[in-house]
Amino acid sequence: MNDTQQLETIRSLTLSQIEEIRADPKPTYWLDGQRVHWQEYVESLQATVDWCDQKILAQELFEIRSRGV
């Protein structure tokens, strides 16, 4: 598995998690003194998707055109 495939897998799995959470949203609650805030968790998952998108775009082929003076 190359880097691009790995990034696409991470992106796909993260999007699946976001979809599951949004399909059955839960309220914010406290568990053993720790706050579980689902919206913040979804935002962190979205940041992961955005990061993967940036890395995938950076790995795509590109062409630089220049002219000598």
N, C-alpha and C. Protein backbone atom coordinates (compact mmCIF):
# COMPACT_ATOMS: atom_id res chain seq x y z
N MET A 1 0.85 -1.18 0.00
CA MET A 1 0.00 0.00 0.00
C MET A 1 0.89 1.24 0.00
N ASN A 2 0.69 2.11 -0.99
CA ASN A 2 1.50 3.32 -1.03
C ASN A 2 0.87 4.42 -0.16
N ASP A 3 1.56 5.54 -0.07
CA ASP A 3 1.10 6.63 0.81
C ASP A 3 -0.28 7.15 0.42
N THR A 4 -0.51 7.31 -0.87
CA THR A 4 -1.80 7.83 -1.32
C THR A 4 -2.93 6.88 -0.95
N GLN A 5 -2.71 5.60 -1.15
CA GLN A 5 -3.73 4.61 -0.80
C GLN A 5 -4.01 4.62 0.70
N GLN A 6 -2.96 4.75 1.48
CA GLN A 6 -3.12 4.79 2.94
C GLN A 6 -3.91 6.03 3.36
N LEU A 7 -3.59 7.17 2.76
CA LEU A 7 -4.33 8.40 3.06
C LEU A 7 -5.79 8.28 2.66
N GLU A 8 -6.05 7.67 1.51
CA GLU A 8 -7.43 7.49 1.06
C GLU A 8 -8.19 6.54 1.98
N THR A 9 -7.51 5.53 2.52
CA THR A 9 -8.13 4.62 3.47
C THR A 9 -8.47 5.34 4.77
N ILE A 10 -7.53 6.12 5.29
CA ILE A 10 -7.78 6.89 6.51
C ILE A 10 -8.95 7.83 6.29
N ARG A 11 -8.97 8.50 5.15
CA ARG A 11 -10.04 9.45 4.83
C ARG A 11 -11.39 8.74 4.78
N SER A 12 -11.44 7.60 4.12
CA SER A 12 -12.68 6.85 3.98
C SER A 12 -13.20 6.36 5.33
N LEU A 13 -12.31 5.82 6.15
CA LEU A 13 -12.72 5.34 7.47
C LEU A 13 -13.21 6.49 8.36
N THR A 14 -12.54 7.62 8.26
CA THR A 14 -12.94 8.78 9.06
C THR A 14 -14.30 9.30 8.61
N LEU A 15 -14.53 9.35 7.30
CA LEU A 15 -15.84 9.78 6.80
C LEU A 15 -16.94 8.82 7.26
N SER A 16 -16.63 7.53 7.33
CA SER A 16 -17.61 6.55 7.83
C SER A 16 -17.96 6.82 9.29
N GLN A 17 -16.94 7.15 10.08
CA GLN A 17 -17.19 7.48 11.49
C GLN A 17 -18.08 8.71 11.61
N ILE A 18 -17.79 9.73 10.82
CA ILE A 18 -18.60 10.95 10.85
C ILE A 18 -20.05 10.63 10.48
N GLU A 19 -20.23 9.82 9.46
CA GLU A 19 -21.58 9.46 9.01
C GLU A 19 -22.34 8.72 10.11
N GLU A 20 -21.67 7.79 10.80
CA GLU A 20 -22.31 7.04 11.88
C GLU A 20 -22.72 7.96 13.03
N ILE A 21 -21.85 8.89 13.39
CA ILE A 21 -22.14 9.80 14.49
C ILE A 21 -23.30 10.72 14.13
N ARG A 22 -23.31 11.22 12.91
CA ARG A 22 -24.38 12.13 12.49
C ARG A 22 -25.71 11.41 12.31
N ALA A 23 -25.67 10.12 12.00
CA ALA A 23 -26.91 9.35 11.85
C ALA A 23 -27.60 9.14 13.20
N ASP A 24 -26.80 9.07 14.27
CA ASP A 24 -27.34 8.85 15.61
C ASP A 24 -26.63 9.78 16.59
N PRO A 25 -26.93 11.08 16.52
CA PRO A 25 -26.22 12.04 17.37
C PRO A 25 -26.52 11.82 18.85
N LYS A 26 -25.54 12.09 19.66
CA LYS A 26 -25.67 11.92 21.10
C LYS A 26 -25.42 13.27 21.78
N PRO A 27 -25.99 13.46 22.96
CA PRO A 27 -25.76 14.71 23.68
C PRO A 27 -24.38 14.71 24.34
N THR A 28 -23.94 15.90 24.72
CA THR A 28 -22.71 16.01 25.49
C THR A 28 -22.99 15.48 26.89
N TYR A 29 -22.05 14.72 27.44
CA TYR A 29 -22.23 14.20 28.79
C TYR A 29 -20.89 14.05 29.49
N TRP A 30 -20.95 13.80 30.78
CA TRP A 30 -19.76 13.61 31.60
C TRP A 30 -19.66 12.14 31.99
N LEU A 31 -18.45 11.59 31.90
CA LEU A 31 -18.21 10.20 32.26
C LEU A 31 -16.92 10.14 33.06
N ASP A 32 -17.02 9.76 34.32
CA ASP A 32 -15.85 9.68 35.21
C ASP A 32 -15.03 10.95 35.19
N GLY A 33 -15.71 12.09 35.24
CA GLY A 33 -15.02 13.37 35.30
C GLY A 33 -14.53 13.91 33.97
N GLN A 34 -14.79 13.18 32.89
CA GLN A 34 -14.37 13.65 31.57
C GLN A 34 -15.61 13.97 30.73
N ARG A 35 -15.54 15.07 30.03
CA ARG A 35 -16.64 15.49 29.18
C ARG A 35 -16.53 14.81 27.82
N VAL A 36 -17.62 14.26 27.35
CA VAL A 36 -17.70 13.69 26.01
C VAL A 36 -18.58 14.63 25.20
N HIS A 37 -17.95 15.34 24.29
CA HIS A 37 -18.66 16.33 23.47
C HIS A 37 -18.59 15.87 22.03
N TRP A 38 -19.71 15.39 21.51
CA TRP A 38 -19.72 14.78 20.19
C TRP A 38 -19.44 15.76 19.07
N GLN A 39 -19.90 16.99 19.20
CA GLN A 39 -19.65 17.97 18.14
C GLN A 39 -18.15 18.25 18.00
N GLU A 40 -17.45 18.37 19.13
CA GLU A 40 -16.00 18.58 19.07
C GLU A 40 -15.31 17.38 18.44
N TYR A 41 -15.81 16.19 18.75
CA TYR A 41 -15.23 14.97 18.17
C TYR A 41 -15.43 14.95 16.65
N VAL A 42 -16.63 15.31 16.20
CA VAL A 42 -16.90 15.37 14.75
C VAL A 42 -15.99 16.41 14.09
N GLU A 43 -15.80 17.54 14.75
CA GLU A 43 -14.92 18.58 14.21
C GLU A 43 -13.48 18.07 14.09
N SER A 44 -13.02 17.29 15.06
CA SER A 44 -11.66 16.75 14.97
C SER A 44 -11.57 15.71 13.86
N LEU A 45 -12.63 14.93 13.67
CA LEU A 45 -12.65 13.97 12.56
C LEU A 45 -12.64 14.71 11.22
N GLN A 46 -13.39 15.80 11.12
CA GLN A 46 -13.41 16.58 9.88
C GLN A 46 -12.04 17.18 9.61
N ALA A 47 -11.34 17.59 10.66
CA ALA A 47 -9.98 18.12 10.49
C ALA A 47 -9.06 17.03 9.93
N THR A 48 -9.27 15.78 10.35
CA THR A 48 -8.49 14.67 9.82
C THR A 48 -8.77 14.48 8.33
N VAL A 49 -10.03 14.56 7.95
CA VAL A 49 -10.40 14.45 6.53
C VAL A 49 -9.75 15.57 5.72
N ASP A 50 -9.81 16.79 6.24
CA ASP A 50 -9.20 17.93 5.56
C ASP A 50 -7.70 17.74 5.40
N TRP A 51 -7.04 17.23 6.44
CA TRP A 51 -5.60 16.97 6.41
C TRP A 51 -5.29 15.93 5.33
N CYS A 52 -6.08 14.86 5.29
CA CYS A 52 -5.87 13.83 4.26
C CYS A 52 -6.04 14.42 2.86
N ASP A 53 -7.07 15.26 2.68
CA ASP A 53 -7.29 15.89 1.38
C ASP A 53 -6.07 16.71 0.95
N GLN A 54 -5.51 17.47 1.88
CA GLN A 54 -4.33 18.29 1.57
C GLN A 54 -3.14 17.41 1.18
N LYS A 55 -2.93 16.34 1.91
CA LYS A 55 -1.80 15.45 1.62
C LYS A 55 -1.99 14.74 0.28
N ILE A 56 -3.21 14.32 -0.01
CA ILE A 56 -3.49 13.65 -1.29
C ILE A 56 -3.25 14.61 -2.45
N LEU A 57 -3.74 15.84 -2.32
CA LEU A 57 -3.53 16.84 -3.37
C LEU A 57 -2.05 17.13 -3.57
N ALA A 58 -1.29 17.17 -2.48
CA ALA A 58 0.14 17.46 -2.56
C ALA A 58 0.90 16.35 -3.28
N GLN A 59 0.35 15.13 -3.28
CA GLN A 59 1.04 14.01 -3.91
C GLN A 59 0.69 13.84 -5.38
N GLU A 60 -0.32 14.57 -5.85
CA GLU A 60 -0.69 14.46 -7.25
C GLU A 60 0.41 15.04 -8.13
N LEU A 61 0.48 14.53 -9.33
CA LEU A 61 1.48 15.01 -10.28
C LEU A 61 1.19 16.45 -10.66
N PHE A 62 2.24 17.19 -10.89
CA PHE A 62 2.07 18.58 -11.31
C PHE A 62 3.18 18.92 -12.30
N GLU A 63 2.98 19.99 -13.03
CA GLU A 63 3.93 20.42 -14.04
C GLU A 63 4.28 21.87 -13.79
N ILE A 64 5.55 22.17 -13.87
CA ILE A 64 6.02 23.55 -13.71
C ILE A 64 6.53 24.01 -15.06
N ARG A 65 5.98 25.10 -15.55
CA ARG A 65 6.43 25.66 -16.82
C ARG A 65 7.28 26.88 -16.52
N SER A 66 8.40 26.93 -17.15
CA SER A 66 9.26 28.11 -16.97
C SER A 66 9.93 28.42 -18.30
N ARG A 67 10.38 29.64 -18.42
CA ARG A 67 11.09 30.04 -19.63
C ARG A 67 12.39 30.70 -19.20
N GLY A 68 13.43 30.35 -19.90
CA GLY A 68 14.72 30.97 -19.64
C GLY A 68 14.74 32.40 -20.14
N VAL A 69 15.56 33.20 -19.52
CA VAL A 69 15.66 34.61 -19.92
C VAL A 69 16.82 34.78 -20.86
